[in-house]
Amino acid sequence: MEQAPYNGRTARNPAGVAHWVTTPDGVRLRIGHWPMDEARGTVLIFPGRTEYVEKYGPAAADFAARGYASLAIDWRGQGLADRLQDNPVVGHVGQFADYQIDARSAVDHARALGLPEPFHLLAHSMGGAIGLRSVMEGYPVETASFSAPMWGISMATPLRPLAWGLSSLSRPLGFSHIVAPGQEAETYVLREGFAGNTLTTDPEMFALLQEQVQADPALGLGGPSLHWLHEALTETRTLSRRRAPDLPCLCFLGSDEQIVDTARIRDRMASWPRGELVVLEGGKHEVILEKPALRRSSISDVLALTLLRDPPDASGYTVTLWPL
């Protein structure tokens, strides 16, 4: 295995190791992992759009403190994985289904490393859409946890037909490579101050996200292409029409979510046979990078699910039985 760069300082977790992994269709990914001796299992982390391995260093440390190894992936087109356009700051993918190639490569790499099973999924935002299709198609995990999953994209009702129409026309008319309207080429955390951000209420975590991209500008990614937007709209609509798998599942949603479609999330979780929706009061999009109390609660719930193979009930045991 060829070792890849990993910044343990900005990840706030020096235990991590990263490798280059080439997918069957020839795309080079970066996959990081945080091993530990005698782990009781491994959490497979599916990051969101624009994200990268180092972002999940703090979460991996929380999981390690409770006996779990972790693995995270730089999806094609972001992080230090191969970028898919001549302009590397534009988020892009050929087909949304291509992310499933990456997901399979991640679990193959976990097994090649000898990371302990059972595997458990934690998928955030765009990773939530990828992860939902994965578990629908039999991905080898015993439980699934989703953080603000992109099962739909939040936008004003009048803009939705415009987004569909423009992204559809952009392909035959040859401009699908450009950044979608309302988006910018500069990385969000570098152009947006903490006061108006839609990601987290924790200033320290927001500063950490800025630090990570400033330390390695190659991690930066701007808005998505119109092609990516059309692929994402199509994928989320397709997934909304499929039944949830019979798999223990938790879904976390901040009460101040503004990026993903909360109605789609509520609809999905209302019909998940062994699923539970956990609304974190005061939380924004990045519930795993929220203020310590919310972060402890969400991490503890994920660990409770892996131990019990069943979602939590309304008694709120999460902090009392597994405090971090």
C-alpha atoms as a PDB file:
ATOM      1  CA  MET A   1       0.000   0.000   0.000  1.00  0.00           C
ATOM      2  CA  GLU A   2       1.262   3.450  -0.890  1.00  0.00           C
ATOM      3  CA  GLN A   3       1.057   5.858   2.018  1.00  0.00           C
ATOM      4  CA  ALA A   4      -0.650   9.205   1.361  1.00  0.00           C
ATOM      5  CA  PRO A   5      -0.278  12.529   3.197  1.00  0.00           C
ATOM      6  CA  TYR A   6      -2.188  12.951   6.427  1.00  0.00           C
ATOM      7  CA  ASN A   7      -2.033  16.007   8.692  1.00  0.00           C
ATOM      8  CA  GLY A   8      -2.373  14.711  12.221  1.00  0.00           C
ATOM      9  CA  ARG A   9      -1.966  18.195  13.679  1.00  0.00           C
ATOM     10  CA  THR A  10      -4.929  19.798  11.924  1.00  0.00           C
ATOM     11  CA  ALA A  11      -6.930  16.570  12.324  1.00  0.00           C
ATOM     12  CA  ARG A  12      -6.298  16.858  16.067  1.00  0.00           C
ATOM     13  CA  ASN A  13      -5.543  13.161  15.930  1.00  0.00           C
ATOM     14  CA  PRO A  14      -1.964  11.960  15.343  1.00  0.00           C
ATOM     15  CA  ALA A  15      -3.006   8.303  15.268  1.00  0.00           C
ATOM     16  CA  GLY A  16      -4.281   8.438  11.693  1.00  0.00           C
ATOM     17  CA  VAL A  17      -2.697   6.895   8.608  1.00  0.00           C
ATOM     18  CA  ALA A  18      -3.717   7.499   4.989  1.00  0.00           C
ATOM     19  CA  HIS A  19      -3.156   5.521   1.785  1.00  0.00           C
ATOM     20  CA  TRP A  20      -3.710   6.022  -1.914  1.00  0.00           C
ATOM     21  CA  VAL A  21      -6.288   3.611  -3.330  1.00  0.00           C
ATOM     22  CA  THR A  22      -7.046   3.311  -7.043  1.00  0.00           C
ATOM     23  CA  THR A  23     -10.605   2.364  -7.941  1.00  0.00           C
ATOM     24  CA  PRO A  24     -11.465  -0.213 -10.627  1.00  0.00           C
ATOM     25  CA  ASP A  25     -12.245   2.663 -13.020  1.00  0.00           C
ATOM     26  CA  GLY A  26      -8.839   4.255 -12.457  1.00  0.00           C
ATOM     27  CA  VAL A  27      -9.576   7.103 -10.028  1.00  0.00           C
ATOM     28  CA  ARG A  28      -7.078   7.676  -7.222  1.00  0.00           C
ATOM     29  CA  LEU A  29      -8.700   8.154  -3.811  1.00  0.00           C
ATOM     30  CA  ARG A  30      -7.212   8.926  -0.428  1.00  0.00           C
ATOM     31  CA  ILE A  31      -8.500   6.772   2.414  1.00  0.00           C
ATOM     32  CA  GLY A  32      -7.505   7.423   5.997  1.00  0.00           C
ATOM     33  CA  HIS A  33      -7.941   5.226   9.019  1.00  0.00           C
ATOM     34  CA  TRP A  34      -7.426   5.379  12.755  1.00  0.00           C
ATOM     35  CA  PRO A  35      -6.467   1.902  14.000  1.00  0.00           C
ATOM     36  CA  MET A  36      -6.566   0.638  17.540  1.00  0.00           C
ATOM     37  CA  ASP A  37      -5.718  -2.633  19.238  1.00  0.00           C
ATOM     38  CA  GLU A  38      -8.571  -4.949  20.187  1.00  0.00           C
ATOM     39  CA  ALA A  39     -11.220  -2.671  18.724  1.00  0.00           C
ATOM     40  CA  ARG A  40     -14.794  -3.917  19.010  1.00  0.00           C
ATOM     41  CA  GLY A  41     -15.530  -2.859  15.428  1.00  0.00           C
ATOM     42  CA  THR A  42     -14.890  -0.151  12.848  1.00  0.00           C
ATOM     43  CA  VAL A  43     -16.874   2.976  11.993  1.00  0.00           C
ATOM     44  CA  LEU A  44     -16.810   3.660   8.240  1.00  0.00           C
ATOM     45  CA  ILE A  45     -17.208   7.423   7.795  1.00  0.00           C
ATOM     46  CA  PHE A  46     -18.736   8.778   4.579  1.00  0.00           C
ATOM     47  CA  PRO A  47     -17.946  12.517   4.468  1.00  0.00           C
ATOM     48  CA  GLY A  48     -20.053  15.210   2.873  1.00  0.00           C
ATOM     49  CA  ARG A  49     -19.414  17.296  -0.216  1.00  0.00           C
ATOM     50  CA  THR A  50     -16.201  19.412   0.020  1.00  0.00           C
ATOM     51  CA  GLU A  51     -14.933  17.274   2.909  1.00  0.00           C
ATOM     52  CA  TYR A  52     -11.764  15.255   3.531  1.00  0.00           C
ATOM     53  CA  VAL A  53     -10.186  12.779   5.929  1.00  0.00           C
ATOM     54  CA  GLU A  54      -8.747  15.259   8.453  1.00  0.00           C
ATOM     55  CA  LYS A  55     -12.136  16.750   9.226  1.00  0.00           C
ATOM     56  CA  TYR A  56     -13.094  13.539  11.020  1.00  0.00           C
ATOM     57  CA  GLY A  57      -9.988  13.270  13.188  1.00  0.00           C
ATOM     58  CA  PRO A  58     -11.821  14.567  16.293  1.00  0.00           C
ATOM     59  CA  ALA A  59     -14.737  12.165  15.767  1.00  0.00           C
ATOM     60  CA  ALA A  60     -12.300   9.278  15.270  1.00  0.00           C
ATOM     61  CA  ALA A  61     -10.687  10.162  18.600  1.00  0.00           C
ATOM     62  CA  ASP A  62     -14.109  10.041  20.256  1.00  0.00           C
ATOM     63  CA  PHE A  63     -14.786   6.629  18.729  1.00  0.00           C
ATOM     64  CA  ALA A  64     -11.350   5.332  19.766  1.00  0.00           C
ATOM     65  CA  ALA A  65     -12.062   6.392  23.352  1.00  0.00           C
ATOM     66  CA  ARG A  66     -15.010   4.007  23.242  1.00  0.00           C
ATOM     67  CA  GLY A  67     -13.178   1.118  21.596  1.00  0.00           C
ATOM     68  CA  TYR A  68     -13.765   1.592  17.860  1.00  0.00           C
ATOM     69  CA  ALA A  69     -11.398   1.976  14.937  1.00  0.00           C
ATOM     70  CA  SER A  70     -12.454   4.393  12.178  1.00  0.00           C
ATOM     71  CA  LEU A  71     -11.975   4.910   8.452  1.00  0.00           C
ATOM     72  CA  ALA A  72     -12.815   7.933   6.260  1.00  0.00           C
ATOM     73  CA  ILE A  73     -12.561   8.538   2.528  1.00  0.00           C
ATOM     74  CA  ASP A  74     -11.786  11.413   0.202  1.00  0.00           C
ATOM     75  CA  TRP A  75     -14.446  10.912  -2.486  1.00  0.00           C
ATOM     76  CA  ARG A  76     -13.484  11.349  -6.119  1.00  0.00           C
ATOM     77  CA  GLY A  77     -13.439  15.026  -7.000  1.00  0.00           C
ATOM     78  CA  GLN A  78     -12.614  16.325  -3.517  1.00  0.00           C
ATOM     79  CA  GLY A  79     -10.043  16.241  -0.742  1.00  0.00           C
ATOM     80  CA  LEU A  80      -6.746  14.898  -2.062  1.00  0.00           C
ATOM     81  CA  ALA A  81      -8.483  12.414  -4.365  1.00  0.00           C
ATOM     82  CA  ASP A  82      -8.311  12.961  -8.122  1.00  0.00           C
ATOM     83  CA  ARG A  83     -10.209  16.061  -9.218  1.00  0.00           C
ATOM     84  CA  LEU A  84     -12.484  15.461 -12.186  1.00  0.00           C
ATOM     85  CA  GLN A  85     -12.459  18.815 -13.974  1.00  0.00           C
ATOM     86  CA  ASP A  86      -9.743  21.030 -15.413  1.00  0.00           C
ATOM     87  CA  ASN A  87     -10.858  23.586 -12.838  1.00  0.00           C
ATOM     88  CA  PRO A  88     -10.118  21.716  -9.588  1.00  0.00           C
ATOM     89  CA  VAL A  89     -12.141  24.014  -7.320  1.00  0.00           C
ATOM     90  CA  VAL A  90     -15.477  23.030  -8.905  1.00  0.00           C
ATOM     91  CA  GLY A  91     -17.229  20.070  -7.284  1.00  0.00           C
ATOM     92  CA  HIS A  92     -17.978  17.495  -9.947  1.00  0.00           C
ATOM     93  CA  VAL A  93     -18.774  13.853 -10.584  1.00  0.00           C
ATOM     94  CA  GLY A  94     -19.510  11.958 -13.783  1.00  0.00           C
ATOM     95  CA  GLN A  95     -22.454   9.996 -12.384  1.00  0.00           C
ATOM     96  CA  PHE A  96     -23.669   9.872  -8.811  1.00  0.00           C
ATOM     97  CA  ALA A  97     -23.440   6.093  -9.075  1.00  0.00           C
ATOM     98  CA  ASP A  98     -19.650   6.487  -9.372  1.00  0.00           C
ATOM     99  CA  TYR A  99     -19.542   7.212  -5.651  1.00  0.00           C
ATOM    100  CA  GLN A 100     -20.654   3.603  -5.104  1.00  0.00           C
ATOM    101  CA  ILE A 101     -17.385   2.498  -6.713  1.00  0.00           C
ATOM    102  CA  ASP A 102     -15.580   4.583  -4.102  1.00  0.00           C
ATOM    103  CA  ALA A 103     -17.729   3.160  -1.294  1.00  0.00           C
ATOM    104  CA  ARG A 104     -16.872  -0.385  -2.320  1.00  0.00           C
ATOM    105  CA  SER A 105     -13.201   0.560  -2.538  1.00  0.00           C
ATOM    106  CA  ALA A 106     -13.412   1.889   1.036  1.00  0.00           C
ATOM    107  CA  VAL A 107     -14.745  -1.351   2.489  1.00  0.00           C
ATOM    108  CA  ASP A 108     -12.275  -3.387   0.431  1.00  0.00           C
ATOM    109  CA  HIS A 109      -9.470  -1.224   1.836  1.00  0.00           C
ATOM    110  CA  ALA A 110     -10.780  -1.665   5.385  1.00  0.00           C
ATOM    111  CA  ARG A 111     -10.612  -5.420   4.958  1.00  0.00           C
ATOM    112  CA  ALA A 112      -7.163  -5.261   3.343  1.00  0.00           C
ATOM    113  CA  LEU A 113      -5.968  -3.309   6.398  1.00  0.00           C
ATOM    114  CA  GLY A 114      -7.452  -5.933   8.692  1.00  0.00           C
ATOM    115  CA  LEU A 115      -9.702  -3.422  10.441  1.00  0.00           C
ATOM    116  CA  PRO A 116     -12.006  -5.326  12.774  1.00  0.00           C
ATOM    117  CA  GLU A 117     -15.565  -6.151  11.885  1.00  0.00           C
ATOM    118  CA  PRO A 118     -18.418  -5.601  12.405  1.00  0.00           C
ATOM    119  CA  PHE A 119     -18.489  -2.433  10.337  1.00  0.00           C
ATOM    120  CA  HIS A 120     -20.819   0.450  11.184  1.00  0.00           C
ATOM    121  CA  LEU A 121     -21.669   3.334   8.867  1.00  0.00           C
ATOM    122  CA  LEU A 122     -21.632   7.023   9.801  1.00  0.00           C
ATOM    123  CA  ALA A 123     -22.568   9.148   6.789  1.00  0.00           C
ATOM    124  CA  HIS A 124     -22.817  12.931   6.647  1.00  0.00           C
ATOM    125  CA  SER A 125     -24.651  15.197   4.156  1.00  0.00           C
ATOM    126  CA  MET A 126     -23.713  14.110   0.599  1.00  0.00           C
ATOM    127  CA  GLY A 127     -22.212  11.014   2.197  1.00  0.00           C
ATOM    128  CA  GLY A 128     -25.708  10.330   3.503  1.00  0.00           C
ATOM    129  CA  ALA A 129     -27.052  10.017  -0.032  1.00  0.00           C
ATOM    130  CA  ILE A 130     -24.159   7.764  -0.979  1.00  0.00           C
ATOM    131  CA  GLY A 131     -24.595   5.754   2.201  1.00  0.00           C
ATOM    132  CA  LEU A 132     -28.347   5.349   1.760  1.00  0.00           C
ATOM    133  CA  ARG A 133     -27.903   3.785  -1.667  1.00  0.00           C
ATOM    134  CA  SER A 134     -25.074   1.648  -0.298  1.00  0.00           C
ATOM    135  CA  VAL A 135     -27.159   0.135   2.498  1.00  0.00           C
ATOM    136  CA  MET A 136     -30.120  -0.291   0.141  1.00  0.00           C
ATOM    137  CA  GLU A 137     -27.803  -2.400  -1.998  1.00  0.00           C
ATOM    138  CA  GLY A 138     -26.454  -4.555   0.813  1.00  0.00           C
ATOM    139  CA  TYR A 139     -23.359  -2.687   2.020  1.00  0.00           C
ATOM    140  CA  PRO A 140     -21.716  -4.876   4.696  1.00  0.00           C
ATOM    141  CA  VAL A 141     -22.497  -2.829   7.816  1.00  0.00           C
ATOM    142  CA  GLU A 142     -24.490  -3.854  10.886  1.00  0.00           C
ATOM    143  CA  THR A 143     -25.820  -0.388  11.684  1.00  0.00           C
ATOM    144  CA  ALA A 144     -26.150   2.933   9.882  1.00  0.00           C
ATOM    145  CA  SER A 145     -26.049   6.442  11.347  1.00  0.00           C
ATOM    146  CA  PHE A 146     -26.717   9.532   9.263  1.00  0.00           C
ATOM    147  CA  SER A 147     -25.846  13.122  10.056  1.00  0.00           C
ATOM    148  CA  ALA A 148     -27.922  15.738   8.184  1.00  0.00           C
ATOM    149  CA  PRO A 149     -28.117  13.405   5.190  1.00  0.00           C
ATOM    150  CA  MET A 150     -28.556  14.882   1.738  1.00  0.00           C
ATOM    151  CA  TRP A 151     -31.738  12.988   0.913  1.00  0.00           C
ATOM    152  CA  GLY A 152     -32.894  16.205  -0.723  1.00  0.00           C
ATOM    153  CA  ILE A 153     -31.401  19.673  -1.244  1.00  0.00           C
ATOM    154  CA  SER A 154     -32.897  22.635   0.555  1.00  0.00           C
ATOM    155  CA  MET A 155     -34.034  25.404  -1.772  1.00  0.00           C
ATOM    156  CA  ALA A 156     -36.945  27.798  -2.067  1.00  0.00           C
ATOM    157  CA  THR A 157     -39.951  26.183  -3.748  1.00  0.00           C
ATOM    158  CA  PRO A 158     -39.962  28.572  -6.752  1.00  0.00           C
ATOM    159  CA  LEU A 159     -36.285  27.784  -7.412  1.00  0.00           C
ATOM    160  CA  ARG A 160     -36.695  24.013  -7.613  1.00  0.00           C
ATOM    161  CA  PRO A 161     -38.091  23.843 -11.178  1.00  0.00           C
ATOM    162  CA  LEU A 162     -35.433  26.364 -12.214  1.00  0.00           C
ATOM    163  CA  ALA A 163     -32.688  24.174 -10.758  1.00  0.00           C
ATOM    164  CA  TRP A 164     -34.046  21.125 -12.581  1.00  0.00           C
ATOM    165  CA  GLY A 165     -34.475  22.971 -15.859  1.00  0.00           C
ATOM    166  CA  LEU A 166     -31.140  24.781 -15.882  1.00  0.00           C
ATOM    167  CA  SER A 167     -29.124  21.753 -14.805  1.00  0.00           C
ATOM    168  CA  SER A 168     -30.890  19.596 -17.427  1.00  0.00           C
ATOM    169  CA  LEU A 169     -30.304  22.084 -20.238  1.00  0.00           C
ATOM    170  CA  SER A 170     -26.693  22.646 -19.259  1.00  0.00           C
ATOM    171  CA  ARG A 171     -25.641  19.258 -20.576  1.00  0.00           C
ATOM    172  CA  PRO A 172     -26.873  19.403 -24.181  1.00  0.00           C
ATOM    173  CA  LEU A 173     -25.937  23.089 -24.373  1.00  0.00           C
ATOM    174  CA  GLY A 174     -22.397  22.442 -23.142  1.00  0.00           C
ATOM    175  CA  PHE A 175     -22.159  24.481 -19.942  1.00  0.00           C
ATOM    176  CA  SER A 176     -22.730  21.791 -17.303  1.00  0.00           C
ATOM    177  CA  HIS A 177     -19.146  22.212 -16.084  1.00  0.00           C
ATOM    178  CA  ILE A 178     -19.715  25.698 -14.631  1.00  0.00           C
ATOM    179  CA  VAL A 179     -20.496  26.411 -10.991  1.00  0.00           C
ATOM    180  CA  ALA A 180     -24.205  26.243 -10.179  1.00  0.00           C
ATOM    181  CA  PRO A 181     -25.934  29.626  -9.694  1.00  0.00           C
ATOM    182  CA  GLY A 182     -25.741  30.931  -6.157  1.00  0.00           C
ATOM    183  CA  GLN A 183     -22.513  29.034  -5.522  1.00  0.00           C
ATOM    184  CA  GLU A 184     -18.938  30.346  -5.564  1.00  0.00           C
ATOM    185  CA  ALA A 185     -15.525  28.942  -6.419  1.00  0.00           C
ATOM    186  CA  GLU A 186     -13.971  29.832  -3.060  1.00  0.00           C
ATOM    187  CA  THR A 187     -14.205  27.308  -0.228  1.00  0.00           C
ATOM    188  CA  TYR A 188     -17.177  28.135   2.000  1.00  0.00           C
ATOM    189  CA  VAL A 189     -15.329  28.291   5.334  1.00  0.00           C
ATOM    190  CA  LEU A 190     -12.754  30.719   3.924  1.00  0.00           C
ATOM    191  CA  ARG A 191     -15.255  33.176   2.444  1.00  0.00           C
ATOM    192  CA  GLU A 192     -17.911  32.977   5.164  1.00  0.00           C
ATOM    193  CA  GLY A 193     -17.376  34.378   8.632  1.00  0.00           C
ATOM    194  CA  PHE A 194     -18.447  32.430  11.680  1.00  0.00           C
ATOM    195  CA  ALA A 195     -21.339  34.784  12.498  1.00  0.00           C
ATOM    196  CA  GLY A 196     -23.328  33.942   9.379  1.00  0.00           C
ATOM    197  CA  ASN A 197     -22.284  30.354   8.795  1.00  0.00           C
ATOM    198  CA  THR A 198     -24.798  27.528   8.332  1.00  0.00           C
ATOM    199  CA  LEU A 199     -22.493  24.726   9.504  1.00  0.00           C
ATOM    200  CA  THR A 200     -21.909  24.906  13.254  1.00  0.00           C
ATOM    201  CA  THR A 201     -22.579  26.984  16.367  1.00  0.00           C
ATOM    202  CA  ASP A 202     -19.129  26.128  17.767  1.00  0.00           C
ATOM    203  CA  PRO A 203     -16.558  28.841  16.934  1.00  0.00           C
ATOM    204  CA  GLU A 204     -13.652  26.520  17.752  1.00  0.00           C
ATOM    205  CA  MET A 205     -14.841  23.895  15.282  1.00  0.00           C
ATOM    206  CA  PHE A 206     -15.434  26.504  12.593  1.00  0.00           C
ATOM    207  CA  ALA A 207     -11.919  27.838  13.160  1.00  0.00           C
ATOM    208  CA  LEU A 208     -10.591  24.279  12.872  1.00  0.00           C
ATOM    209  CA  LEU A 209     -12.243  23.848   9.465  1.00  0.00           C
ATOM    210  CA  GLN A 210     -10.596  27.083   8.335  1.00  0.00           C
ATOM    211  CA  GLU A 211      -7.238  25.959   9.700  1.00  0.00           C
ATOM    212  CA  GLN A 212      -7.388  22.646   7.877  1.00  0.00           C
ATOM    213  CA  VAL A 213      -7.925  24.225   4.468  1.00  0.00           C
ATOM    214  CA  GLN A 214      -5.418  27.007   5.111  1.00  0.00           C
ATOM    215  CA  ALA A 215      -2.776  24.444   6.088  1.00  0.00           C
ATOM    216  CA  ASP A 216      -3.335  22.486   2.878  1.00  0.00           C
ATOM    217  CA  PRO A 217      -5.067  24.565   0.178  1.00  0.00           C
ATOM    218  CA  ALA A 218      -5.311  21.436  -2.018  1.00  0.00           C
ATOM    219  CA  LEU A 219      -8.166  20.328   0.252  1.00  0.00           C
ATOM    220  CA  GLY A 220     -10.268  23.335  -0.718  1.00  0.00           C
ATOM    221  CA  LEU A 221     -13.343  22.939  -2.892  1.00  0.00           C
ATOM    222  CA  GLY A 222     -15.893  25.483  -4.046  1.00  0.00           C
ATOM    223  CA  GLY A 223     -19.444  25.127  -5.272  1.00  0.00           C
ATOM    224  CA  PRO A 224     -20.718  22.197  -7.336  1.00  0.00           C
ATOM    225  CA  SER A 225     -21.046  22.144 -11.098  1.00  0.00           C
ATOM    226  CA  LEU A 226     -24.434  22.211 -12.773  1.00  0.00           C
ATOM    227  CA  HIS A 227     -23.721  18.630 -13.811  1.00  0.00           C
ATOM    228  CA  TRP A 228     -23.205  17.619 -10.170  1.00  0.00           C
ATOM    229  CA  LEU A 229     -26.420  19.433  -9.239  1.00  0.00           C
ATOM    230  CA  HIS A 230     -28.439  17.518 -11.838  1.00  0.00           C
ATOM    231  CA  GLU A 231     -26.895  14.222 -10.717  1.00  0.00           C
ATOM    232  CA  ALA A 232     -27.676  15.017  -7.067  1.00  0.00           C
ATOM    233  CA  LEU A 233     -31.275  16.036  -7.767  1.00  0.00           C
ATOM    234  CA  THR A 234     -31.825  12.879  -9.803  1.00  0.00           C
ATOM    235  CA  GLU A 235     -30.225  10.612  -7.201  1.00  0.00           C
ATOM    236  CA  THR A 236     -32.122  12.036  -4.238  1.00  0.00           C
ATOM    237  CA  ARG A 237     -35.428  11.791  -6.106  1.00  0.00           C
ATOM    238  CA  THR A 238     -34.688   8.174  -7.037  1.00  0.00           C
ATOM    239  CA  LEU A 239     -33.764   7.255  -3.470  1.00  0.00           C
ATOM    240  CA  SER A 240     -36.923   8.879  -2.097  1.00  0.00           C
ATOM    241  CA  ARG A 241     -38.993   6.352  -4.055  1.00  0.00           C
ATOM    242  CA  ARG A 242     -37.264   3.286  -2.615  1.00  0.00           C
ATOM    243  CA  ARG A 243     -37.984   1.481   0.626  1.00  0.00           C
ATOM    244  CA  ALA A 244     -35.581   1.749   3.534  1.00  0.00           C
ATOM    245  CA  PRO A 245     -33.657  -1.416   4.400  1.00  0.00           C
ATOM    246  CA  ASP A 246     -34.388  -3.380   7.565  1.00  0.00           C
ATOM    247  CA  LEU A 247     -31.226  -2.143   9.282  1.00  0.00           C
ATOM    248  CA  PRO A 248     -30.833  -0.457  12.694  1.00  0.00           C
ATOM    249  CA  CYS A 249     -30.533   3.234  11.908  1.00  0.00           C
ATOM    250  CA  LEU A 250     -30.125   6.599  13.594  1.00  0.00           C
ATOM    251  CA  CYS A 251     -30.485   9.923  11.821  1.00  0.00           C
ATOM    252  CA  PHE A 252     -29.307  13.186  13.388  1.00  0.00           C
ATOM    253  CA  LEU A 253     -30.776  16.519  12.369  1.00  0.00           C
ATOM    254  CA  GLY A 254     -29.985  19.924  13.809  1.00  0.00           C
ATOM    255  CA  SER A 255     -33.044  22.040  14.560  1.00  0.00           C
ATOM    256  CA  ASP A 256     -31.417  24.897  12.598  1.00  0.00           C
ATOM    257  CA  GLU A 257     -30.628  22.872   9.470  1.00  0.00           C
ATOM    258  CA  GLN A 258     -30.527  25.015   6.307  1.00  0.00           C
ATOM    259  CA  ILE A 259     -28.591  22.982   3.736  1.00  0.00           C
ATOM    260  CA  VAL A 260     -30.438  19.715   3.214  1.00  0.00           C
ATOM    261  CA  ASP A 261     -34.169  19.072   2.783  1.00  0.00           C
ATOM    262  CA  THR A 262     -35.530  18.352   6.259  1.00  0.00           C
ATOM    263  CA  ALA A 263     -38.931  17.213   4.943  1.00  0.00           C
ATOM    264  CA  ARG A 264     -37.269  14.416   2.977  1.00  0.00           C
ATOM    265  CA  ILE A 265     -35.392  13.352   6.095  1.00  0.00           C
ATOM    266  CA  ARG A 266     -38.518  13.267   8.238  1.00  0.00           C
ATOM    267  CA  ASP A 267     -40.430  11.326   5.594  1.00  0.00           C
ATOM    268  CA  ARG A 268     -37.667   8.771   5.228  1.00  0.00           C
ATOM    269  CA  MET A 269     -37.204   8.210   8.942  1.00  0.00           C
ATOM    270  CA  ALA A 270     -40.954   7.936   9.546  1.00  0.00           C
ATOM    271  CA  SER A 271     -40.935   4.838   7.353  1.00  0.00           C
ATOM    272  CA  TRP A 272     -37.593   3.280   8.412  1.00  0.00           C
ATOM    273  CA  PRO A 273     -38.487  -0.033  10.116  1.00  0.00           C
ATOM    274  CA  ARG A 274     -35.777   0.142  12.798  1.00  0.00           C
ATOM    275  CA  GLY A 275     -34.926   3.809  12.483  1.00  0.00           C
ATOM    276  CA  GLU A 276     -34.984   6.761  14.841  1.00  0.00           C
ATOM    277  CA  LEU A 277     -34.744  10.468  14.066  1.00  0.00           C
ATOM    278  CA  VAL A 278     -32.823  12.450  16.702  1.00  0.00           C
ATOM    279  CA  VAL A 279     -33.322  16.221  16.490  1.00  0.00           C
ATOM    280  CA  LEU A 280     -30.535  18.147  18.219  1.00  0.00           C
ATOM    281  CA  GLU A 281     -31.977  21.403  19.505  1.00  0.00           C
ATOM    282  CA  GLY A 282     -29.878  24.378  18.443  1.00  0.00           C
ATOM    283  CA  GLY A 283     -27.700  22.345  16.100  1.00  0.00           C
ATOM    284  CA  LYS A 284     -26.839  23.354  12.544  1.00  0.00           C
ATOM    285  CA  HIS A 285     -25.619  21.175   9.663  1.00  0.00           C
ATOM    286  CA  GLU A 286     -22.441  19.746  11.182  1.00  0.00           C
ATOM    287  CA  VAL A 287     -23.877  17.898  14.162  1.00  0.00           C
ATOM    288  CA  ILE A 288     -20.628  15.907  14.606  1.00  0.00           C
ATOM    289  CA  LEU A 289     -18.734  19.228  14.810  1.00  0.00           C
ATOM    290  CA  GLU A 290     -21.153  21.062  17.056  1.00  0.00           C
ATOM    291  CA  LYS A 291     -20.690  22.423  20.551  1.00  0.00           C
ATOM    292  CA  PRO A 292     -19.390  19.808  23.023  1.00  0.00           C
ATOM    293  CA  ALA A 293     -22.780  18.917  24.534  1.00  0.00           C
ATOM    294  CA  LEU A 294     -24.364  18.212  21.140  1.00  0.00           C
ATOM    295  CA  ARG A 295     -21.253  16.434  19.908  1.00  0.00           C
ATOM    296  CA  ARG A 296     -21.167  14.179  22.970  1.00  0.00           C
ATOM    297  CA  SER A 297     -24.833  13.355  22.555  1.00  0.00           C
ATOM    298  CA  SER A 298     -24.575  12.411  18.874  1.00  0.00           C
ATOM    299  CA  ILE A 299     -21.384  10.365  19.250  1.00  0.00           C
ATOM    300  CA  SER A 300     -22.843   8.574  22.265  1.00  0.00           C
ATOM    301  CA  ASP A 301     -26.003   7.711  20.326  1.00  0.00           C
ATOM    302  CA  VAL A 302     -23.949   6.242  17.475  1.00  0.00           C
ATOM    303  CA  LEU A 303     -22.027   4.089  19.932  1.00  0.00           C
ATOM    304  CA  ALA A 304     -25.194   3.002  21.701  1.00  0.00           C
ATOM    305  CA  LEU A 305     -26.592   1.843  18.382  1.00  0.00           C
ATOM    306  CA  THR A 306     -23.464  -0.210  17.603  1.00  0.00           C
ATOM    307  CA  LEU A 307     -23.655  -1.888  20.995  1.00  0.00           C
ATOM    308  CA  LEU A 308     -27.391  -2.519  21.152  1.00  0.00           C
ATOM    309  CA  ARG A 309     -28.080  -3.035  17.418  1.00  0.00           C
ATOM    310  CA  ASP A 310     -31.252  -1.069  18.089  1.00  0.00           C
ATOM    311  CA  PRO A 311     -32.109   2.636  17.968  1.00  0.00           C
ATOM    312  CA  PRO A 312     -32.488   4.607  21.207  1.00  0.00           C
ATOM    313  CA  ASP A 313     -35.903   5.161  22.677  1.00  0.00           C
ATOM    314  CA  ALA A 314     -37.299   8.418  23.949  1.00  0.00           C
ATOM    315  CA  SER A 315     -35.874   7.931  27.447  1.00  0.00           C
ATOM    316  CA  GLY A 316     -32.714   9.815  26.415  1.00  0.00           C
ATOM    317  CA  TYR A 317     -30.141   7.368  27.756  1.00  0.00           C
ATOM    318  CA  THR A 318     -27.481   8.615  25.410  1.00  0.00           C
ATOM    319  CA  VAL A 319     -25.372  10.741  27.741  1.00  0.00           C
ATOM    320  CA  THR A 320     -25.991   8.855  30.981  1.00  0.00           C
ATOM    321  CA  LEU A 321     -24.937   5.390  29.842  1.00  0.00           C
ATOM    322  CA  TRP A 322     -22.074   6.342  27.510  1.00  0.00           C
ATOM    323  CA  PRO A 323     -20.772   9.788  28.507  1.00  0.00           C
ATOM    324  CA  LEU A 324     -17.700  10.995  26.613  1.00  0.00           C
END
